[in-house]
Amino acid sequence: MTDERWKEIIGHIKDHFDLIDQHTEDLPKEAGQGTVEIVEFKGPLGRMKLERTTQPLIIDKRTFGSRRIGSETAVQYIYSDTEKVHKFKAYRFAEGDDNWVEMTLERGEMIF
């Protein structure tokens, strides 16, 4: 998803639905470098949340270690300085379970 398309979706949400929260968070250290943009709103299915994760593209993955038993290994990722990877997820709030449930489609595209 491009930056322009993400801005269009946020604009559409602000125009047609009740915006509850919009913020940006850094990813946890375990997940690597990057940020998550979160938009929470009152939509047609109730309370909904969109997440757009932006991370640098992984160019190379290097493993360091030896083949001896009990030795430790480490993985080093090399990230691109210019290219980014974007991931998009949509959630709805399940009132009965009191948690967020990821929305998936078997085929097709999610359009708001």
PDB file of N, CA and C in Angstrom:
ATOM      1  N   MET A   1       0.845  -1.162   0.000  1.00  0.00           N
ATOM      2  CA  MET A   1       0.000   0.000   0.000  1.00  0.00           C
ATOM      3  C   MET A   1       0.900   1.238   0.000  1.00  0.00           C
ATOM      4  N   THR A   2       0.630   2.141  -0.898  1.00  0.00           N
ATOM      5  CA  THR A   2       1.429   3.346  -1.021  1.00  0.00           C
ATOM      6  C   THR A   2       1.037   4.371   0.040  1.00  0.00           C
ATOM      7  N   ASP A   3       1.914   5.357   0.234  1.00  0.00           N
ATOM      8  CA  ASP A   3       1.624   6.422   1.191  1.00  0.00           C
ATOM      9  C   ASP A   3       0.385   7.216   0.778  1.00  0.00           C
ATOM     10  N   GLU A   4       0.223   7.444  -0.517  1.00  0.00           N
ATOM     11  CA  GLU A   4      -0.931   8.198  -1.008  1.00  0.00           C
ATOM     12  C   GLU A   4      -2.234   7.450  -0.725  1.00  0.00           C
ATOM     13  N   ARG A   5      -2.236   6.155  -0.969  1.00  0.00           N
ATOM     14  CA  ARG A   5      -3.445   5.348  -0.739  1.00  0.00           C
ATOM     15  C   ARG A   5      -3.787   5.315   0.747  1.00  0.00           C
ATOM     16  N   TRP A   6      -2.781   5.219   1.627  1.00  0.00           N
ATOM     17  CA  TRP A   6      -3.013   5.220   3.070  1.00  0.00           C
ATOM     18  C   TRP A   6      -3.638   6.546   3.498  1.00  0.00           C
ATOM     19  N   LYS A   7      -3.146   7.655   2.957  1.00  0.00           N
ATOM     20  CA  LYS A   7      -3.716   8.969   3.279  1.00  0.00           C
ATOM     21  C   LYS A   7      -5.147   9.089   2.784  1.00  0.00           C
ATOM     22  N   GLU A   8      -5.438   8.518   1.629  1.00  0.00           N
ATOM     23  CA  GLU A   8      -6.819   8.508   1.110  1.00  0.00           C
ATOM     24  C   GLU A   8      -7.742   7.740   2.049  1.00  0.00           C
ATOM     25  N   ILE A   9      -7.296   6.588   2.535  1.00  0.00           N
ATOM     26  CA  ILE A   9      -8.110   5.773   3.444  1.00  0.00           C
ATOM     27  C   ILE A   9      -8.366   6.527   4.744  1.00  0.00           C
ATOM     28  N   ILE A  10      -7.335   7.163   5.305  1.00  0.00           N
ATOM     29  CA  ILE A  10      -7.517   7.921   6.541  1.00  0.00           C
ATOM     30  C   ILE A  10      -8.474   9.091   6.311  1.00  0.00           C
ATOM     31  N   GLY A  11      -8.352   9.777   5.174  1.00  0.00           N
ATOM     32  CA  GLY A  11      -9.272  10.865   4.838  1.00  0.00           C
ATOM     33  C   GLY A  11     -10.705  10.376   4.714  1.00  0.00           C
ATOM     34  N   HIS A  12     -10.884   9.222   4.089  1.00  0.00           N
ATOM     35  CA  HIS A  12     -12.222   8.632   3.949  1.00  0.00           C
ATOM     36  C   HIS A  12     -12.817   8.291   5.317  1.00  0.00           C
ATOM     37  N   ILE A  13     -12.000   7.739   6.198  1.00  0.00           N
ATOM     38  CA  ILE A  13     -12.459   7.399   7.547  1.00  0.00           C
ATOM     39  C   ILE A  13     -12.868   8.651   8.301  1.00  0.00           C
ATOM     40  N   LYS A  14     -12.061   9.700   8.215  1.00  0.00           N
ATOM     41  CA  LYS A  14     -12.373  10.950   8.916  1.00  0.00           C
ATOM     42  C   LYS A  14     -13.645  11.596   8.380  1.00  0.00           C
ATOM     43  N   ASP A  15     -13.904  11.445   7.061  1.00  0.00           N
ATOM     44  CA  ASP A  15     -15.094  12.044   6.457  1.00  0.00           C
ATOM     45  C   ASP A  15     -16.365  11.275   6.749  1.00  0.00           C
ATOM     46  N   HIS A  16     -16.292   9.943   6.822  1.00  0.00           N
ATOM     47  CA  HIS A  16     -17.503   9.124   6.882  1.00  0.00           C
ATOM     48  C   HIS A  16     -17.754   8.419   8.215  1.00  0.00           C
ATOM     49  N   PHE A  17     -16.763   8.321   9.081  1.00  0.00           N
ATOM     50  CA  PHE A  17     -16.925   7.582  10.327  1.00  0.00           C
ATOM     51  C   PHE A  17     -16.454   8.427  11.502  1.00  0.00           C
ATOM     52  N   ASP A  18     -16.766   7.955  12.706  1.00  0.00           N
ATOM     53  CA  ASP A  18     -16.326   8.634  13.924  1.00  0.00           C
ATOM     54  C   ASP A  18     -14.935   8.143  14.293  1.00  0.00           C
ATOM     55  N   LEU A  19     -13.941   9.020  14.206  1.00  0.00           N
ATOM     56  CA  LEU A  19     -12.568   8.682  14.544  1.00  0.00           C
ATOM     57  C   LEU A  19     -12.412   8.633  16.057  1.00  0.00           C
ATOM     58  N   ILE A  20     -11.923   7.517  16.581  1.00  0.00           N
ATOM     59  CA  ILE A  20     -11.715   7.344  18.022  1.00  0.00           C
ATOM     60  C   ILE A  20     -10.282   7.689  18.394  1.00  0.00           C
ATOM     61  N   ASP A  21      -9.305   7.160  17.641  1.00  0.00           N
ATOM     62  CA  ASP A  21      -7.898   7.371  17.977  1.00  0.00           C
ATOM     63  C   ASP A  21      -7.047   7.211  16.727  1.00  0.00           C
ATOM     64  N   GLN A  22      -5.966   8.005  16.650  1.00  0.00           N
ATOM     65  CA  GLN A  22      -4.993   7.877  15.571  1.00  0.00           C
ATOM     66  C   GLN A  22      -3.633   8.194  16.160  1.00  0.00           C
ATOM     67  N   HIS A  23      -2.706   7.222  16.089  1.00  0.00           N
ATOM     68  CA  HIS A  23      -1.368   7.440  16.623  1.00  0.00           C
ATOM     69  C   HIS A  23      -0.362   6.532  15.931  1.00  0.00           C
ATOM     70  N   THR A  24       0.920   6.829  16.173  1.00  0.00           N
ATOM     71  CA  THR A  24       2.028   6.061  15.610  1.00  0.00           C
ATOM     72  C   THR A  24       2.893   5.538  16.746  1.00  0.00           C
ATOM     73  N   GLU A  25       3.301   4.261  16.635  1.00  0.00           N
ATOM     74  CA  GLU A  25       4.142   3.626  17.648  1.00  0.00           C
ATOM     75  C   GLU A  25       5.375   3.038  16.980  1.00  0.00           C
ATOM     76  N   ASP A  26       6.470   2.962  17.722  1.00  0.00           N
ATOM     77  CA  ASP A  26       7.649   2.248  17.248  1.00  0.00           C
ATOM     78  C   ASP A  26       7.437   0.755  17.478  1.00  0.00           C
ATOM     79  N   LEU A  27       7.988  -0.056  16.579  1.00  0.00           N
ATOM     80  CA  LEU A  27       7.902  -1.505  16.750  1.00  0.00           C
ATOM     81  C   LEU A  27       8.762  -1.928  17.938  1.00  0.00           C
ATOM     82  N   PRO A  28       8.386  -3.026  18.620  1.00  0.00           N
ATOM     83  CA  PRO A  28       9.250  -3.545  19.679  1.00  0.00           C
ATOM     84  C   PRO A  28      10.596  -3.979  19.114  1.00  0.00           C
ATOM     85  N   LYS A  29      11.613  -4.007  19.946  1.00  0.00           N
ATOM     86  CA  LYS A  29      12.973  -4.356  19.498  1.00  0.00           C
ATOM     87  C   LYS A  29      13.023  -5.741  18.860  1.00  0.00           C
ATOM     88  N   GLU A  30      12.180  -6.701  19.355  1.00  0.00           N
ATOM     89  CA  GLU A  30      12.167  -8.056  18.801  1.00  0.00           C
ATOM     90  C   GLU A  30      11.703  -8.063  17.350  1.00  0.00           C
ATOM     91  N   ALA A  31      10.827  -7.124  16.989  1.00  0.00           N
ATOM     92  CA  ALA A  31      10.275  -7.089  15.636  1.00  0.00           C
ATOM     93  C   ALA A  31      11.175  -6.351  14.658  1.00  0.00           C
ATOM     94  N   GLY A  32      12.186  -5.658  15.150  1.00  0.00           N
ATOM     95  CA  GLY A  32      13.100  -4.932  14.280  1.00  0.00           C
ATOM     96  C   GLY A  32      12.782  -3.458  14.219  1.00  0.00           C
ATOM     97  N   GLN A  33      13.387  -2.804  13.253  1.00  0.00           N
ATOM     98  CA  GLN A  33      13.181  -1.371  13.070  1.00  0.00           C
ATOM     99  C   GLN A  33      11.830  -1.136  12.414  1.00  0.00           C
ATOM    100  N   GLY A  34      11.247   0.037  12.653  1.00  0.00           N
ATOM    101  CA  GLY A  34      10.022   0.396  11.962  1.00  0.00           C
ATOM    102  C   GLY A  34       8.991   1.009  12.875  1.00  0.00           C
ATOM    103  N   THR A  35       7.862   1.385  12.272  1.00  0.00           N
ATOM    104  CA  THR A  35       6.763   2.008  13.003  1.00  0.00           C
ATOM    105  C   THR A  35       5.441   1.370  12.612  1.00  0.00           C
ATOM    106  N   VAL A  36       4.437   1.569  13.474  1.00  0.00           N
ATOM    107  CA  VAL A  36       3.077   1.112  13.208  1.00  0.00           C
ATOM    108  C   VAL A  36       2.159   2.314  13.343  1.00  0.00           C
ATOM    109  N   GLU A  37       1.397   2.583  12.281  1.00  0.00           N
ATOM    110  CA  GLU A  37       0.387   3.639  12.328  1.00  0.00           C
ATOM    111  C   GLU A  37      -0.945   2.963  12.625  1.00  0.00           C
ATOM    112  N   ILE A  38      -1.649   3.451  13.652  1.00  0.00           N
ATOM    113  CA  ILE A  38      -2.900   2.833  14.076  1.00  0.00           C
ATOM    114  C   ILE A  38      -4.026   3.862  13.985  1.00  0.00           C
ATOM    115  N   VAL A  39      -5.115   3.463  13.342  1.00  0.00           N
ATOM    116  CA  VAL A  39      -6.302   4.294  13.239  1.00  0.00           C
ATOM    117  C   VAL A  39      -7.464   3.480  13.789  1.00  0.00           C
ATOM    118  N   GLU A  40      -8.130   4.003  14.812  1.00  0.00           N
ATOM    119  CA  GLU A  40      -9.270   3.321  15.422  1.00  0.00           C
ATOM    120  C   GLU A  40     -10.505   4.192  15.198  1.00  0.00           C
ATOM    121  N   PHE A  41     -11.605   3.559  14.766  1.00  0.00           N
ATOM    122  CA  PHE A  41     -12.808   4.318  14.441  1.00  0.00           C
ATOM    123  C   PHE A  41     -14.056   3.465  14.627  1.00  0.00           C
ATOM    124  N   LYS A  42     -15.190   4.132  14.633  1.00  0.00           N
ATOM    125  CA  LYS A  42     -16.489   3.463  14.734  1.00  0.00           C
ATOM    126  C   LYS A  42     -16.994   3.278  13.312  1.00  0.00           C
ATOM    127  N   GLY A  43     -16.950   2.037  12.801  1.00  0.00           N
ATOM    128  CA  GLY A  43     -17.285   1.742  11.416  1.00  0.00           C
ATOM    129  C   GLY A  43     -18.586   0.982  11.279  1.00  0.00           C
ATOM    130  N   PRO A  44     -18.847   0.460  10.082  1.00  0.00           N
ATOM    131  CA  PRO A  44     -20.099  -0.263   9.830  1.00  0.00           C
ATOM    132  C   PRO A  44     -20.218  -1.570  10.617  1.00  0.00           C
ATOM    133  N   LEU A  45     -19.101  -2.158  11.035  1.00  0.00           N
ATOM    134  CA  LEU A  45     -19.131  -3.400  11.809  1.00  0.00           C
ATOM    135  C   LEU A  45     -18.897  -3.139  13.295  1.00  0.00           C
ATOM    136  N   GLY A  46     -19.027  -1.895  13.729  1.00  0.00           N
ATOM    137  CA  GLY A  46     -18.754  -1.547  15.114  1.00  0.00           C
ATOM    138  C   GLY A  46     -17.380  -0.910  15.220  1.00  0.00           C
ATOM    139  N   ARG A  47     -16.728  -1.112  16.335  1.00  0.00           N
ATOM    140  CA  ARG A  47     -15.396  -0.544  16.557  1.00  0.00           C
ATOM    141  C   ARG A  47     -14.381  -1.293  15.702  1.00  0.00           C
ATOM    142  N   MET A  48     -13.600  -0.539  14.924  1.00  0.00           N
ATOM    143  CA  MET A  48     -12.637  -1.141  13.995  1.00  0.00           C
ATOM    144  C   MET A  48     -11.281  -0.474  14.160  1.00  0.00           C
ATOM    145  N   LYS A  49     -10.235  -1.183  13.741  1.00  0.00           N
ATOM    146  CA  LYS A  49      -8.878  -0.664  13.843  1.00  0.00           C
ATOM    147  C   LYS A  49      -8.094  -1.077  12.602  1.00  0.00           C
ATOM    148  N   LEU A  50      -7.352  -0.115  12.028  1.00  0.00           N
ATOM    149  CA  LEU A  50      -6.468  -0.381  10.902  1.00  0.00           C
ATOM    150  C   LEU A  50      -5.037  -0.167  11.356  1.00  0.00           C
ATOM    151  N   GLU A  51      -4.148  -1.059  10.953  1.00  0.00           N
ATOM    152  CA  GLU A  51      -2.728  -0.943  11.282  1.00  0.00           C
ATOM    153  C   GLU A  51      -1.916  -0.992   9.998  1.00  0.00           C
ATOM    154  N   ARG A  52      -0.994  -0.049   9.880  1.00  0.00           N
ATOM    155  CA  ARG A  52      -0.068  -0.042   8.741  1.00  0.00           C
ATOM    156  C   ARG A  52       1.345  -0.062   9.300  1.00  0.00           C
ATOM    157  N   THR A  53       2.052  -1.161   9.068  1.00  0.00           N
ATOM    158  CA  THR A  53       3.411  -1.330   9.566  1.00  0.00           C
ATOM    159  C   THR A  53       4.384  -0.956   8.460  1.00  0.00           C
ATOM    160  N   THR A  54       5.346  -0.102   8.795  1.00  0.00           N
ATOM    161  CA  THR A  54       6.366   0.327   7.853  1.00  0.00           C
ATOM    162  C   THR A  54       7.726  -0.087   8.397  1.00  0.00           C
ATOM    163  N   GLN A  55       8.466  -0.869   7.599  1.00  0.00           N
ATOM    164  CA  GLN A  55       9.790  -1.339   7.987  1.00  0.00           C
ATOM    165  C   GLN A  55      10.737  -1.209   6.797  1.00  0.00           C
ATOM    166  N   PRO A  56      12.039  -1.064   7.069  1.00  0.00           N
ATOM    167  CA  PRO A  56      13.000  -1.074   5.958  1.00  0.00           C
ATOM    168  C   PRO A  56      13.065  -2.473   5.326  1.00  0.00           C
ATOM    169  N   LEU A  57      13.321  -2.495   4.045  1.00  0.00           N
ATOM    170  CA  LEU A  57      13.437  -3.753   3.314  1.00  0.00           C
ATOM    171  C   LEU A  57      14.698  -4.494   3.763  1.00  0.00           C
ATOM    172  N   ILE A  58      14.570  -5.791   4.039  1.00  0.00           N
ATOM    173  CA  ILE A  58      15.721  -6.610   4.411  1.00  0.00           C
ATOM    174  C   ILE A  58      16.431  -7.031   3.128  1.00  0.00           C
ATOM    175  N   ILE A  59      17.676  -6.576   2.986  1.00  0.00           N
ATOM    176  CA  ILE A  59      18.459  -6.878   1.790  1.00  0.00           C
ATOM    177  C   ILE A  59      19.197  -8.193   1.940  1.00  0.00           C
ATOM    178  N   ASP A  60      19.758  -8.423   3.130  1.00  0.00           N
ATOM    179  CA  ASP A  60      20.581  -9.614   3.337  1.00  0.00           C
ATOM    180  C   ASP A  60      20.429 -10.100   4.768  1.00  0.00           C
ATOM    181  N   LYS A  61      20.632 -11.383   4.959  1.00  0.00           N
ATOM    182  CA  LYS A  61      20.567 -12.011   6.279  1.00  0.00           C
ATOM    183  C   LYS A  61      21.828 -12.851   6.434  1.00  0.00           C
ATOM    184  N   ARG A  62      22.617 -12.538   7.462  1.00  0.00           N
ATOM    185  CA  ARG A  62      23.862 -13.265   7.690  1.00  0.00           C
ATOM    186  C   ARG A  62      23.790 -13.995   9.018  1.00  0.00           C
ATOM    187  N   THR A  63      24.249 -15.243   9.005  1.00  0.00           N
ATOM    188  CA  THR A  63      24.281 -16.049  10.218  1.00  0.00           C
ATOM    189  C   THR A  63      25.732 -16.247  10.621  1.00  0.00           C
ATOM    190  N   PHE A  64      26.018 -15.977  11.901  1.00  0.00           N
ATOM    191  CA  PHE A  64      27.365 -16.131  12.438  1.00  0.00           C
ATOM    192  C   PHE A  64      27.354 -17.223  13.486  1.00  0.00           C
ATOM    193  N   GLY A  65      28.364 -18.075  13.477  1.00  0.00           N
ATOM    194  CA  GLY A  65      28.476 -19.143  14.468  1.00  0.00           C
ATOM    195  C   GLY A  65      29.355 -20.250  13.935  1.00  0.00           C
ATOM    196  N   SER A  66      29.473 -21.286  14.745  1.00  0.00           N
ATOM    197  CA  SER A  66      30.278 -22.428  14.315  1.00  0.00           C
ATOM    198  C   SER A  66      29.409 -23.677  14.345  1.00  0.00           C
ATOM    199  N   ARG A  67      29.958 -24.760  13.860  1.00  0.00           N
ATOM    200  CA  ARG A  67      29.210 -26.005  13.803  1.00  0.00           C
ATOM    201  C   ARG A  67      29.442 -26.881  15.020  1.00  0.00           C
ATOM    202  N   ARG A  68      30.149 -26.374  16.005  1.00  0.00           N
ATOM    203  CA  ARG A  68      30.405 -27.165  17.209  1.00  0.00           C
ATOM    204  C   ARG A  68      29.148 -27.261  18.064  1.00  0.00           C
ATOM    205  N   ILE A  69      29.016 -28.367  18.776  1.00  0.00           N
ATOM    206  CA  ILE A  69      27.867 -28.569  19.653  1.00  0.00           C
ATOM    207  C   ILE A  69      27.931 -27.574  20.798  1.00  0.00           C
ATOM    208  N   GLY A  70      26.824 -26.944  21.065  1.00  0.00           N
ATOM    209  CA  GLY A  70      26.735 -26.007  22.174  1.00  0.00           C
ATOM    210  C   GLY A  70      27.185 -24.600  21.837  1.00  0.00           C
ATOM    211  N   SER A  71      27.623 -24.376  20.626  1.00  0.00           N
ATOM    212  CA  SER A  71      28.055 -23.024  20.277  1.00  0.00           C
ATOM    213  C   SER A  71      26.832 -22.167  19.955  1.00  0.00           C
ATOM    214  N   GLU A  72      27.002 -20.868  20.109  1.00  0.00           N
ATOM    215  CA  GLU A  72      25.902 -19.945  19.856  1.00  0.00           C
ATOM    216  C   GLU A  72      25.965 -19.431  18.429  1.00  0.00           C
ATOM    217  N   THR A  73      24.813 -19.107  17.890  1.00  0.00           N
ATOM    218  CA  THR A  73      24.745 -18.491  16.577  1.00  0.00           C
ATOM    219  C   THR A  73      24.022 -17.163  16.705  1.00  0.00           C
ATOM    220  N   ALA A  74      24.294 -16.272  15.802  1.00  0.00           N
ATOM    221  CA  ALA A  74      23.638 -14.967  15.779  1.00  0.00           C
ATOM    222  C   ALA A  74      23.244 -14.654  14.347  1.00  0.00           C
ATOM    223  N   VAL A  75      22.160 -13.915  14.192  1.00  0.00           N
ATOM    224  CA  VAL A  75      21.683 -13.529  12.881  1.00  0.00           C
ATOM    225  C   VAL A  75      21.771 -12.010  12.782  1.00  0.00           C
ATOM    226  N   GLN A  76      22.356 -11.537  11.700  1.00  0.00           N
ATOM    227  CA  GLN A  76      22.461 -10.107  11.465  1.00  0.00           C
ATOM    228  C   GLN A  76      21.688  -9.786  10.185  1.00  0.00           C
ATOM    229  N   TYR A  77      20.762  -8.832  10.283  1.00  0.00           N
ATOM    230  CA  TYR A  77      19.993  -8.404   9.119  1.00  0.00           C
ATOM    231  C   TYR A  77      20.587  -7.113   8.575  1.00  0.00           C
ATOM    232  N   ILE A  78      20.648  -6.991   7.265  1.00  0.00           N
ATOM    233  CA  ILE A  78      21.108  -5.775   6.619  1.00  0.00           C
ATOM    234  C   ILE A  78      19.895  -5.146   5.941  1.00  0.00           C
ATOM    235  N   TYR A  79      19.602  -3.903   6.345  1.00  0.00           N
ATOM    236  CA  TYR A  79      18.403  -3.206   5.887  1.00  0.00           C
ATOM    237  C   TYR A  79      18.745  -2.185   4.806  1.00  0.00           C
ATOM    238  N   SER A  80      17.787  -1.932   3.936  1.00  0.00           N
ATOM    239  CA  SER A  80      17.936  -0.918   2.902  1.00  0.00           C
ATOM    240  C   SER A  80      17.753   0.466   3.520  1.00  0.00           C
ATOM    241  N   ASP A  81      18.520   1.427   3.036  1.00  0.00           N
ATOM    242  CA  ASP A  81      18.388   2.802   3.516  1.00  0.00           C
ATOM    243  C   ASP A  81      17.271   3.545   2.801  1.00  0.00           C
ATOM    244  N   THR A  82      16.876   3.074   1.628  1.00  0.00           N
ATOM    245  CA  THR A  82      15.907   3.818   0.821  1.00  0.00           C
ATOM    246  C   THR A  82      14.563   3.108   0.663  1.00  0.00           C
ATOM    247  N   GLU A  83      14.559   1.785   0.586  1.00  0.00           N
ATOM    248  CA  GLU A  83      13.319   1.052   0.311  1.00  0.00           C
ATOM    249  C   GLU A  83      12.613   0.648   1.595  1.00  0.00           C
ATOM    250  N   LYS A  84      11.258   0.717   1.578  1.00  0.00           N
ATOM    251  CA  LYS A  84      10.425   0.383   2.730  1.00  0.00           C
ATOM    252  C   LYS A  84       9.419  -0.704   2.352  1.00  0.00           C
ATOM    253  N   VAL A  85       9.014  -1.467   3.346  1.00  0.00           N
ATOM    254  CA  VAL A  85       7.985  -2.493   3.183  1.00  0.00           C
ATOM    255  C   VAL A  85       6.803  -2.094   4.052  1.00  0.00           C
ATOM    256  N   HIS A  86       5.590  -2.159   3.497  1.00  0.00           N
ATOM    257  CA  HIS A  86       4.386  -1.779   4.230  1.00  0.00           C
ATOM    258  C   HIS A  86       3.474  -2.996   4.357  1.00  0.00           C
ATOM    259  N   LYS A  87       2.942  -3.202   5.557  1.00  0.00           N
ATOM    260  CA  LYS A  87       1.976  -4.274   5.795  1.00  0.00           C
ATOM    261  C   LYS A  87       0.705  -3.644   6.343  1.00  0.00           C
ATOM    262  N   PHE A  88      -0.433  -4.143   5.898  1.00  0.00           N
ATOM    263  CA  PHE A  88      -1.729  -3.578   6.272  1.00  0.00           C
ATOM    264  C   PHE A  88      -2.584  -4.657   6.911  1.00  0.00           C
ATOM    265  N   LYS A  89      -3.173  -4.346   8.066  1.00  0.00           N
ATOM    266  CA  LYS A  89      -4.082  -5.279   8.737  1.00  0.00           C
ATOM    267  C   LYS A  89      -5.306  -4.518   9.221  1.00  0.00           C
ATOM    268  N   ALA A  90      -6.451  -5.200   9.204  1.00  0.00           N
ATOM    269  CA  ALA A  90      -7.702  -4.620   9.695  1.00  0.00           C
ATOM    270  C   ALA A  90      -8.253  -5.511  10.795  1.00  0.00           C
ATOM    271  N   TYR A  91      -8.767  -4.880  11.847  1.00  0.00           N
ATOM    272  CA  TYR A  91      -9.325  -5.595  12.994  1.00  0.00           C
ATOM    273  C   TYR A  91     -10.706  -5.048  13.313  1.00  0.00           C
ATOM    274  N   ARG A  92     -11.530  -5.895  13.892  1.00  0.00           N
ATOM    275  CA  ARG A  92     -12.802  -5.436  14.467  1.00  0.00           C
ATOM    276  C   ARG A  92     -12.809  -5.865  15.931  1.00  0.00           C
ATOM    277  N   PHE A  93     -13.514  -5.093  16.738  1.00  0.00           N
ATOM    278  CA  PHE A  93     -13.541  -5.364  18.166  1.00  0.00           C
ATOM    279  C   PHE A  93     -14.685  -6.322  18.467  1.00  0.00           C
ATOM    280  N   ALA A  94     -14.380  -7.470  19.060  1.00  0.00           N
ATOM    281  CA  ALA A  94     -15.389  -8.464  19.430  1.00  0.00           C
ATOM    282  C   ALA A  94     -15.865  -8.125  20.842  1.00  0.00           C
ATOM    283  N   GLU A  95     -17.072  -7.605  20.945  1.00  0.00           N
ATOM    284  CA  GLU A  95     -17.617  -7.178  22.238  1.00  0.00           C
ATOM    285  C   GLU A  95     -17.720  -8.337  23.223  1.00  0.00           C
ATOM    286  N   GLY A  96     -18.128  -9.507  22.756  1.00  0.00           N
ATOM    287  CA  GLY A  96     -18.288 -10.658  23.643  1.00  0.00           C
ATOM    288  C   GLY A  96     -16.976 -11.146  24.232  1.00  0.00           C
ATOM    289  N   ASP A  97     -15.930 -11.164  23.403  1.00  0.00           N
ATOM    290  CA  ASP A  97     -14.614 -11.630  23.850  1.00  0.00           C
ATOM    291  C   ASP A  97     -13.766 -10.507  24.431  1.00  0.00           C
ATOM    292  N   ASP A  98     -14.158  -9.264  24.168  1.00  0.00           N
ATOM    293  CA  ASP A  98     -13.441  -8.084  24.649  1.00  0.00           C
ATOM    294  C   ASP A  98     -12.000  -8.053  24.137  1.00  0.00           C
ATOM    295  N   ASN A  99     -11.808  -8.374  22.819  1.00  0.00           N
ATOM    296  CA  ASN A  99     -10.479  -8.302  22.205  1.00  0.00           C
ATOM    297  C   ASN A  99     -10.615  -8.011  20.719  1.00  0.00           C
ATOM    298  N   TRP A 100      -9.491  -7.731  20.079  1.00  0.00           N
ATOM    299  CA  TRP A 100      -9.467  -7.423  18.657  1.00  0.00           C
ATOM    300  C   TRP A 100      -9.326  -8.715  17.847  1.00  0.00           C
ATOM    301  N   VAL A 101     -10.136  -8.835  16.784  1.00  0.00           N
ATOM    302  CA  VAL A 101     -10.121 -10.005  15.901  1.00  0.00           C
ATOM    303  C   VAL A 101      -9.714  -9.526  14.511  1.00  0.00           C
ATOM    304  N   GLU A 102      -8.683 -10.165  13.954  1.00  0.00           N
ATOM    305  CA  GLU A 102      -8.213  -9.763  12.624  1.00  0.00           C
ATOM    306  C   GLU A 102      -9.228 -10.143  11.563  1.00  0.00           C
ATOM    307  N   MET A 103      -9.475  -9.215  10.651  1.00  0.00           N
ATOM    308  CA  MET A 103     -10.410  -9.446   9.551  1.00  0.00           C
ATOM    309  C   MET A 103      -9.613  -9.915   8.338  1.00  0.00           C
ATOM    310  N   THR A 104     -10.039 -11.020   7.732  1.00  0.00           N
ATOM    311  CA  THR A 104      -9.366 -11.540   6.546  1.00  0.00           C
ATOM    312  C   THR A 104     -10.393 -11.829   5.473  1.00  0.00           C
ATOM    313  N   LEU A 105      -9.961 -11.747   4.230  1.00  0.00           N
ATOM    314  CA  LEU A 105     -10.786 -12.114   3.091  1.00  0.00           C
ATOM    315  C   LEU A 105     -10.119 -13.279   2.387  1.00  0.00           C
ATOM    316  N   GLU A 106     -10.911 -14.235   1.938  1.00  0.00           N
ATOM    317  CA  GLU A 106     -10.337 -15.372   1.228  1.00  0.00           C
ATOM    318  C   GLU A 106      -9.782 -14.949  -0.119  1.00  0.00           C
ATOM    319  N   ARG A 107     -10.470 -14.055  -0.781  1.00  0.00           N
ATOM    320  CA  ARG A 107      -9.962 -13.499  -2.035  1.00  0.00           C
ATOM    321  C   ARG A 107     -10.594 -12.134  -2.237  1.00  0.00           C
ATOM    322  N   GLY A 108      -9.998 -11.373  -3.075  1.00  0.00           N
ATOM    323  CA  GLY A 108     -10.502 -10.031  -3.308  1.00  0.00           C
ATOM    324  C   GLY A 108      -9.677  -9.002  -2.556  1.00  0.00           C
ATOM    325  N   GLU A 109     -10.140  -7.796  -2.611  1.00  0.00           N
ATOM    326  CA  GLU A 109      -9.412  -6.694  -2.019  1.00  0.00           C
ATOM    327  C   GLU A 109     -10.312  -5.967  -1.043  1.00  0.00           C
ATOM    328  N   MET A 110      -9.743  -5.499   0.061  1.00  0.00           N
ATOM    329  CA  MET A 110     -10.514  -4.780   1.059  1.00  0.00           C
ATOM    330  C   MET A 110     -10.555  -3.312   0.660  1.00  0.00           C
ATOM    331  N   ILE A 111     -11.743  -2.774   0.401  1.00  0.00           N
ATOM    332  CA  ILE A 111     -11.905  -1.391  -0.010  1.00  0.00           C
ATOM    333  C   ILE A 111     -12.867  -0.719   0.953  1.00  0.00           C
ATOM    334  N   PHE A 112     -12.493   0.453   1.426  1.00  0.00           N
ATOM    335  CA  PHE A 112     -13.357   1.198   2.331  1.00  0.00           C
ATOM    336  C   PHE A 112     -14.034   2.334   1.612  1.00  0.00           C
TER     337      PHE A 112
END
